Amino acid sequence: MLRHELQPGRLLAGTVLITAAVLYTGDAVSAWSIPWWVLFPLVCGGLWLAAAVGVTGHLVRRRRRRKMGERVKEC
């Protein structure tokens, strides 16, 4: 299997959406009662946070690649 880069934004988005799905499922089977308005801020806030983390991770990877490219040119 090929190795791939860690993408923390996607990891965070998946975790938030799975959490929302578990909460919704628990409410649907009457295991607990969750107000209807709780899931919207959870999902929206989680996706915004995941986007910020993803952009930050992309910038860090891009900067790292540039530095590695400069080292190769020096040799």
PDB file of N, CA and C in Angstrom:
ATOM      1  N   MET A   1       0.835  -1.168   0.000  1.00  0.00           N
ATOM      2  CA  MET A   1       0.000   0.000   0.000  1.00  0.00           C
ATOM      3  C   MET A   1       0.886   1.239   0.000  1.00  0.00           C
ATOM      4  N   LEU A   2       0.535   2.210  -0.824  1.00  0.00           N
ATOM      5  CA  LEU A   2       1.302   3.440  -0.893  1.00  0.00           C
ATOM      6  C   LEU A   2       1.022   4.311   0.323  1.00  0.00           C
ATOM      7  N   ARG A   3       2.070   4.972   0.786  1.00  0.00           N
ATOM      8  CA  ARG A   3       1.896   5.889   1.909  1.00  0.00           C
ATOM      9  C   ARG A   3       1.360   7.201   1.391  1.00  0.00           C
ATOM     10  N   HIS A   4       0.603   7.873   2.195  1.00  0.00           N
ATOM     11  CA  HIS A   4       0.061   9.164   1.810  1.00  0.00           C
ATOM     12  C   HIS A   4       0.272  10.162   2.940  1.00  0.00           C
ATOM     13  N   GLU A   5       0.137  11.434   2.598  1.00  0.00           N
ATOM     14  CA  GLU A   5       0.324  12.476   3.595  1.00  0.00           C
ATOM     15  C   GLU A   5      -0.861  12.517   4.553  1.00  0.00           C
ATOM     16  N   LEU A   6      -0.584  12.862   5.789  1.00  0.00           N
ATOM     17  CA  LEU A   6      -1.645  13.058   6.768  1.00  0.00           C
ATOM     18  C   LEU A   6      -2.390  14.333   6.411  1.00  0.00           C
ATOM     19  N   GLN A   7      -3.703  14.258   6.368  1.00  0.00           N
ATOM     20  CA  GLN A   7      -4.528  15.424   6.088  1.00  0.00           C
ATOM     21  C   GLN A   7      -5.448  15.644   7.288  1.00  0.00           C
ATOM     22  N   PRO A   8      -4.989  16.461   8.250  1.00  0.00           N
ATOM     23  CA  PRO A   8      -5.742  16.626   9.492  1.00  0.00           C
ATOM     24  C   PRO A   8      -7.101  17.287   9.300  1.00  0.00           C
ATOM     25  N   GLY A   9      -7.272  18.104   8.277  1.00  0.00           N
ATOM     26  CA  GLY A   9      -8.572  18.725   8.026  1.00  0.00           C
ATOM     27  C   GLY A   9      -9.633  17.692   7.696  1.00  0.00           C
ATOM     28  N   ARG A  10      -9.284  16.735   6.865  1.00  0.00           N
ATOM     29  CA  ARG A  10     -10.229  15.673   6.522  1.00  0.00           C
ATOM     30  C   ARG A  10     -10.514  14.775   7.720  1.00  0.00           C
ATOM     31  N   LEU A  11      -9.504  14.523   8.514  1.00  0.00           N
ATOM     32  CA  LEU A  11      -9.692  13.726   9.725  1.00  0.00           C
ATOM     33  C   LEU A  11     -10.663  14.411  10.679  1.00  0.00           C
ATOM     34  N   LEU A  12     -10.491  15.713  10.869  1.00  0.00           N
ATOM     35  CA  LEU A  12     -11.371  16.466  11.758  1.00  0.00           C
ATOM     36  C   LEU A  12     -12.795  16.532  11.206  1.00  0.00           C
ATOM     37  N   ALA A  13     -12.941  16.752   9.901  1.00  0.00           N
ATOM     38  CA  ALA A  13     -14.275  16.797   9.292  1.00  0.00           C
ATOM     39  C   ALA A  13     -14.988  15.457   9.458  1.00  0.00           C
ATOM     40  N   GLY A  14     -14.281  14.376   9.242  1.00  0.00           N
ATOM     41  CA  GLY A  14     -14.876  13.053   9.415  1.00  0.00           C
ATOM     42  C   GLY A  14     -15.293  12.789  10.846  1.00  0.00           C
ATOM     43  N   THR A  15     -14.465  13.202  11.779  1.00  0.00           N
ATOM     44  CA  THR A  15     -14.789  13.006  13.197  1.00  0.00           C
ATOM     45  C   THR A  15     -16.034  13.800  13.591  1.00  0.00           C
ATOM     46  N   VAL A  16     -16.120  15.035  13.126  1.00  0.00           N
ATOM     47  CA  VAL A  16     -17.281  15.868  13.445  1.00  0.00           C
ATOM     48  C   VAL A  16     -18.554  15.271  12.845  1.00  0.00           C
ATOM     49  N   LEU A  17     -18.491  14.832  11.598  1.00  0.00           N
ATOM     50  CA  LEU A  17     -19.682  14.283  10.951  1.00  0.00           C
ATOM     51  C   LEU A  17     -20.105  12.945  11.568  1.00  0.00           C
ATOM     52  N   ILE A  18     -19.143  12.136  11.963  1.00  0.00           N
ATOM     53  CA  ILE A  18     -19.485  10.879  12.636  1.00  0.00           C
ATOM     54  C   ILE A  18     -20.124  11.172  13.996  1.00  0.00           C
ATOM     55  N   THR A  19     -19.606  12.168  14.718  1.00  0.00           N
ATOM     56  CA  THR A  19     -20.202  12.558  15.995  1.00  0.00           C
ATOM     57  C   THR A  19     -21.643  13.023  15.806  1.00  0.00           C
ATOM     58  N   ALA A  20     -21.874  13.834  14.770  1.00  0.00           N
ATOM     59  CA  ALA A  20     -23.237  14.300  14.491  1.00  0.00           C
ATOM     60  C   ALA A  20     -24.147  13.125  14.140  1.00  0.00           C
ATOM     61  N   ALA A  21     -23.630  12.171  13.380  1.00  0.00           N
ATOM     62  CA  ALA A  21     -24.440  11.002  13.007  1.00  0.00           C
ATOM     63  C   ALA A  21     -24.787  10.155  14.227  1.00  0.00           C
ATOM     64  N   VAL A  22     -23.849   9.991  15.132  1.00  0.00           N
ATOM     65  CA  VAL A  22     -24.114   9.218  16.354  1.00  0.00           C
ATOM     66  C   VAL A  22     -25.150   9.932  17.213  1.00  0.00           C
ATOM     67  N   LEU A  23     -25.031  11.248  17.350  1.00  0.00           N
ATOM     68  CA  LEU A  23     -26.020  12.002  18.126  1.00  0.00           C
ATOM     69  C   LEU A  23     -27.403  11.912  17.496  1.00  0.00           C
ATOM     70  N   TYR A  24     -27.478  12.053  16.191  1.00  0.00           N
ATOM     71  CA  TYR A  24     -28.754  11.983  15.492  1.00  0.00           C
ATOM     72  C   TYR A  24     -29.369  10.589  15.612  1.00  0.00           C
ATOM     73  N   THR A  25     -28.542   9.561  15.486  1.00  0.00           N
ATOM     74  CA  THR A  25     -29.041   8.191  15.614  1.00  0.00           C
ATOM     75  C   THR A  25     -29.543   7.914  17.024  1.00  0.00           C
ATOM     76  N   GLY A  26     -28.810   8.375  18.016  1.00  0.00           N
ATOM     77  CA  GLY A  26     -29.248   8.192  19.400  1.00  0.00           C
ATOM     78  C   GLY A  26     -30.565   8.893  19.677  1.00  0.00           C
ATOM     79  N   ASP A  27     -30.756  10.053  19.079  1.00  0.00           N
ATOM     80  CA  ASP A  27     -32.017  10.763  19.241  1.00  0.00           C
ATOM     81  C   ASP A  27     -33.144  10.058  18.487  1.00  0.00           C
ATOM     82  N   ALA A  28     -32.826   9.499  17.320  1.00  0.00           N
ATOM     83  CA  ALA A  28     -33.851   8.831  16.512  1.00  0.00           C
ATOM     84  C   ALA A  28     -34.373   7.557  17.174  1.00  0.00           C
ATOM     85  N   VAL A  29     -33.526   6.842  17.886  1.00  0.00           N
ATOM     86  CA  VAL A  29     -33.971   5.603  18.544  1.00  0.00           C
ATOM     87  C   VAL A  29     -34.406   5.855  19.988  1.00  0.00           C
ATOM     88  N   SER A  30     -34.515   7.128  20.341  1.00  0.00           N
ATOM     89  CA  SER A  30     -34.972   7.565  21.677  1.00  0.00           C
ATOM     90  C   SER A  30     -34.038   7.123  22.795  1.00  0.00           C
ATOM     91  N   ALA A  31     -32.764   6.987  22.500  1.00  0.00           N
ATOM     92  CA  ALA A  31     -31.798   6.684  23.560  1.00  0.00           C
ATOM     93  C   ALA A  31     -31.561   7.923  24.419  1.00  0.00           C
ATOM     94  N   TRP A  32     -31.637   9.099  23.822  1.00  0.00           N
ATOM     95  CA  TRP A  32     -31.546  10.365  24.523  1.00  0.00           C
ATOM     96  C   TRP A  32     -32.254  11.425  23.696  1.00  0.00           C
ATOM     97  N   SER A  33     -32.439  12.561  24.284  1.00  0.00           N
ATOM     98  CA  SER A  33     -33.139  13.645  23.589  1.00  0.00           C
ATOM     99  C   SER A  33     -32.182  14.810  23.371  1.00  0.00           C
ATOM    100  N   ILE A  34     -32.014  15.176  22.105  1.00  0.00           N
ATOM    101  CA  ILE A  34     -31.121  16.274  21.752  1.00  0.00           C
ATOM    102  C   ILE A  34     -31.961  17.350  21.075  1.00  0.00           C
ATOM    103  N   PRO A  35     -31.852  18.599  21.508  1.00  0.00           N
ATOM    104  CA  PRO A  35     -32.602  19.660  20.830  1.00  0.00           C
ATOM    105  C   PRO A  35     -32.198  19.747  19.347  1.00  0.00           C
ATOM    106  N   TRP A  36     -33.136  20.135  18.508  1.00  0.00           N
ATOM    107  CA  TRP A  36     -32.906  20.141  17.067  1.00  0.00           C
ATOM    108  C   TRP A  36     -31.806  21.102  16.666  1.00  0.00           C
ATOM    109  N   TRP A  37     -31.600  22.162  17.433  1.00  0.00           N
ATOM    110  CA  TRP A  37     -30.651  23.192  17.042  1.00  0.00           C
ATOM    111  C   TRP A  37     -29.198  22.857  17.398  1.00  0.00           C
ATOM    112  N   VAL A  38     -28.956  21.784  18.093  1.00  0.00           N
ATOM    113  CA  VAL A  38     -27.592  21.439  18.527  1.00  0.00           C
ATOM    114  C   VAL A  38     -26.726  20.970  17.358  1.00  0.00           C
ATOM    115  N   LEU A  39     -27.301  20.221  16.436  1.00  0.00           N
ATOM    116  CA  LEU A  39     -26.500  19.635  15.360  1.00  0.00           C
ATOM    117  C   LEU A  39     -26.019  20.668  14.347  1.00  0.00           C
ATOM    118  N   PHE A  40     -26.795  21.706  14.111  1.00  0.00           N
ATOM    119  CA  PHE A  40     -26.386  22.704  13.114  1.00  0.00           C
ATOM    120  C   PHE A  40     -25.091  23.428  13.509  1.00  0.00           C
ATOM    121  N   PRO A  41     -24.975  23.964  14.712  1.00  0.00           N
ATOM    122  CA  PRO A  41     -23.698  24.599  15.076  1.00  0.00           C
ATOM    123  C   PRO A  41     -22.546  23.596  15.142  1.00  0.00           C
ATOM    124  N   LEU A  42     -22.849  22.374  15.571  1.00  0.00           N
ATOM    125  CA  LEU A  42     -21.806  21.353  15.642  1.00  0.00           C
ATOM    126  C   LEU A  42     -21.226  21.074  14.255  1.00  0.00           C
ATOM    127  N   VAL A  43     -22.093  20.838  13.292  1.00  0.00           N
ATOM    128  CA  VAL A  43     -21.630  20.513  11.938  1.00  0.00           C
ATOM    129  C   VAL A  43     -20.995  21.729  11.277  1.00  0.00           C
ATOM    130  N   CYS A  44     -21.650  22.874  11.345  1.00  0.00           N
ATOM    131  CA  CYS A  44     -21.103  24.081  10.692  1.00  0.00           C
ATOM    132  C   CYS A  44     -19.773  24.502  11.324  1.00  0.00           C
ATOM    133  N   GLY A  45     -19.740  24.542  12.639  1.00  0.00           N
ATOM    134  CA  GLY A  45     -18.490  24.907  13.320  1.00  0.00           C
ATOM    135  C   GLY A  45     -17.380  23.907  13.068  1.00  0.00           C
ATOM    136  N   GLY A  46     -17.729  22.642  13.065  1.00  0.00           N
ATOM    137  CA  GLY A  46     -16.727  21.609  12.805  1.00  0.00           C
ATOM    138  C   GLY A  46     -16.170  21.677  11.399  1.00  0.00           C
ATOM    139  N   LEU A  47     -17.049  21.945  10.421  1.00  0.00           N
ATOM    140  CA  LEU A  47     -16.563  22.060   9.041  1.00  0.00           C
ATOM    141  C   LEU A  47     -15.716  23.309   8.834  1.00  0.00           C
ATOM    142  N   TRP A  48     -16.089  24.416   9.482  1.00  0.00           N
ATOM    143  CA  TRP A  48     -15.244  25.614   9.392  1.00  0.00           C
ATOM    144  C   TRP A  48     -13.880  25.369  10.032  1.00  0.00           C
ATOM    145  N   LEU A  49     -13.873  24.717  11.172  1.00  0.00           N
ATOM    146  CA  LEU A  49     -12.603  24.407  11.837  1.00  0.00           C
ATOM    147  C   LEU A  49     -11.769  23.451  10.984  1.00  0.00           C
ATOM    148  N   ALA A  50     -12.412  22.462  10.373  1.00  0.00           N
ATOM    149  CA  ALA A  50     -11.696  21.527   9.512  1.00  0.00           C
ATOM    150  C   ALA A  50     -11.117  22.248   8.292  1.00  0.00           C
ATOM    151  N   ALA A  51     -11.845  23.214   7.752  1.00  0.00           N
ATOM    152  CA  ALA A  51     -11.334  23.990   6.627  1.00  0.00           C
ATOM    153  C   ALA A  51     -10.104  24.799   7.035  1.00  0.00           C
ATOM    154  N   ALA A  52     -10.155  25.417   8.199  1.00  0.00           N
ATOM    155  CA  ALA A  52      -9.007  26.190   8.677  1.00  0.00           C
ATOM    156  C   ALA A  52      -7.792  25.294   8.903  1.00  0.00           C
ATOM    157  N   VAL A  53      -8.014  24.130   9.486  1.00  0.00           N
ATOM    158  CA  VAL A  53      -6.920  23.185   9.718  1.00  0.00           C
ATOM    159  C   VAL A  53      -6.372  22.671   8.389  1.00  0.00           C
ATOM    160  N   GLY A  54      -7.258  22.412   7.434  1.00  0.00           N
ATOM    161  CA  GLY A  54      -6.821  21.935   6.124  1.00  0.00           C
ATOM    162  C   GLY A  54      -5.990  22.954   5.377  1.00  0.00           C
ATOM    163  N   VAL A  55      -6.406  24.214   5.407  1.00  0.00           N
ATOM    164  CA  VAL A  55      -5.646  25.278   4.738  1.00  0.00           C
ATOM    165  C   VAL A  55      -4.287  25.450   5.412  1.00  0.00           C
ATOM    166  N   THR A  56      -4.272  25.427   6.731  1.00  0.00           N
ATOM    167  CA  THR A  56      -3.002  25.546   7.454  1.00  0.00           C
ATOM    168  C   THR A  56      -2.073  24.386   7.124  1.00  0.00           C
ATOM    169  N   GLY A  57      -2.600  23.193   7.093  1.00  0.00           N
ATOM    170  CA  GLY A  57      -1.786  22.027   6.739  1.00  0.00           C
ATOM    171  C   GLY A  57      -1.254  22.111   5.324  1.00  0.00           C
ATOM    172  N   HIS A  58      -2.080  22.601   4.404  1.00  0.00           N
ATOM    173  CA  HIS A  58      -1.636  22.753   3.016  1.00  0.00           C
ATOM    174  C   HIS A  58      -0.496  23.759   2.923  1.00  0.00           C
ATOM    175  N   LEU A  59      -0.612  24.879   3.632  1.00  0.00           N
ATOM    176  CA  LEU A  59       0.447  25.886   3.604  1.00  0.00           C
ATOM    177  C   LEU A  59       1.750  25.354   4.200  1.00  0.00           C
ATOM    178  N   VAL A  60       1.641  24.571   5.255  1.00  0.00           N
ATOM    179  CA  VAL A  60       2.837  23.985   5.872  1.00  0.00           C
ATOM    180  C   VAL A  60       3.503  23.008   4.914  1.00  0.00           C
ATOM    181  N   ARG A  61       2.710  22.152   4.246  1.00  0.00           N
ATOM    182  CA  ARG A  61       3.289  21.197   3.301  1.00  0.00           C
ATOM    183  C   ARG A  61       3.926  21.904   2.114  1.00  0.00           C
ATOM    184  N   ARG A  62       3.279  22.962   1.622  1.00  0.00           N
ATOM    185  CA  ARG A  62       3.825  23.708   0.485  1.00  0.00           C
ATOM    186  C   ARG A  62       5.154  24.370   0.854  1.00  0.00           C
ATOM    187  N   ARG A  63       5.209  24.943   2.059  1.00  0.00           N
ATOM    188  CA  ARG A  63       6.442  25.585   2.504  1.00  0.00           C
ATOM    189  C   ARG A  63       7.563  24.553   2.666  1.00  0.00           C
ATOM    190  N   ARG A  64       7.206  23.377   3.186  1.00  0.00           N
ATOM    191  CA  ARG A  64       8.194  22.325   3.374  1.00  0.00           C
ATOM    192  C   ARG A  64       8.747  21.856   2.030  1.00  0.00           C
ATOM    193  N   ARG A  65       7.859  21.731   1.025  1.00  0.00           N
ATOM    194  CA  ARG A  65       8.323  21.323  -0.310  1.00  0.00           C
ATOM    195  C   ARG A  65       9.260  22.353  -0.917  1.00  0.00           C
ATOM    196  N   ARG A  66       8.963  23.641  -0.718  1.00  0.00           N
ATOM    197  CA  ARG A  66       9.847  24.694  -1.241  1.00  0.00           C
ATOM    198  C   ARG A  66      11.230  24.598  -0.620  1.00  0.00           C
ATOM    199  N   LYS A  67      11.272  24.405   0.697  1.00  0.00           N
ATOM    200  CA  LYS A  67      12.578  24.292   1.361  1.00  0.00           C
ATOM    201  C   LYS A  67      13.359  23.091   0.864  1.00  0.00           C
ATOM    202  N   MET A  68      12.666  21.968   0.644  1.00  0.00           N
ATOM    203  CA  MET A  68      13.340  20.791   0.132  1.00  0.00           C
ATOM    204  C   MET A  68      13.841  21.040  -1.291  1.00  0.00           C
ATOM    205  N   GLY A  69      13.094  21.791  -2.080  1.00  0.00           N
ATOM    206  CA  GLY A  69      13.505  22.126  -3.442  1.00  0.00           C
ATOM    207  C   GLY A  69      14.741  23.010  -3.447  1.00  0.00           C
ATOM    208  N   GLU A  70      14.840  23.947  -2.519  1.00  0.00           N
ATOM    209  CA  GLU A  70      16.008  24.818  -2.410  1.00  0.00           C
ATOM    210  C   GLU A  70      17.234  24.016  -2.010  1.00  0.00           C
ATOM    211  N   ARG A  71      17.071  23.042  -1.147  1.00  0.00           N
ATOM    212  CA  ARG A  71      18.212  22.220  -0.736  1.00  0.00           C
ATOM    213  C   ARG A  71      18.742  21.388  -1.901  1.00  0.00           C
ATOM    214  N   VAL A  72      17.844  20.907  -2.734  1.00  0.00           N
ATOM    215  CA  VAL A  72      18.266  20.101  -3.897  1.00  0.00           C
ATOM    216  C   VAL A  72      19.023  20.968  -4.879  1.00  0.00           C
ATOM    217  N   LYS A  73      18.600  22.206  -5.099  1.00  0.00           N
ATOM    218  CA  LYS A  73      19.266  23.108  -6.039  1.00  0.00           C
ATOM    219  C   LYS A  73      20.658  23.496  -5.560  1.00  0.00           C
ATOM    220  N   GLU A  74      20.872  23.581  -4.245  1.00  0.00           N
ATOM    221  CA  GLU A  74      22.172  23.943  -3.708  1.00  0.00           C
ATOM    222  C   GLU A  74      23.217  22.865  -3.934  1.00  0.00           C
ATOM    223  N   CYS A  75      22.818  21.612  -3.938  1.00  0.00           N
ATOM    224  CA  CYS A  75      23.767  20.508  -4.054  1.00  0.00           C
ATOM    225  C   CYS A  75      24.329  20.354  -5.428  1.00  0.00           C
TER     226      CYS A  75
END
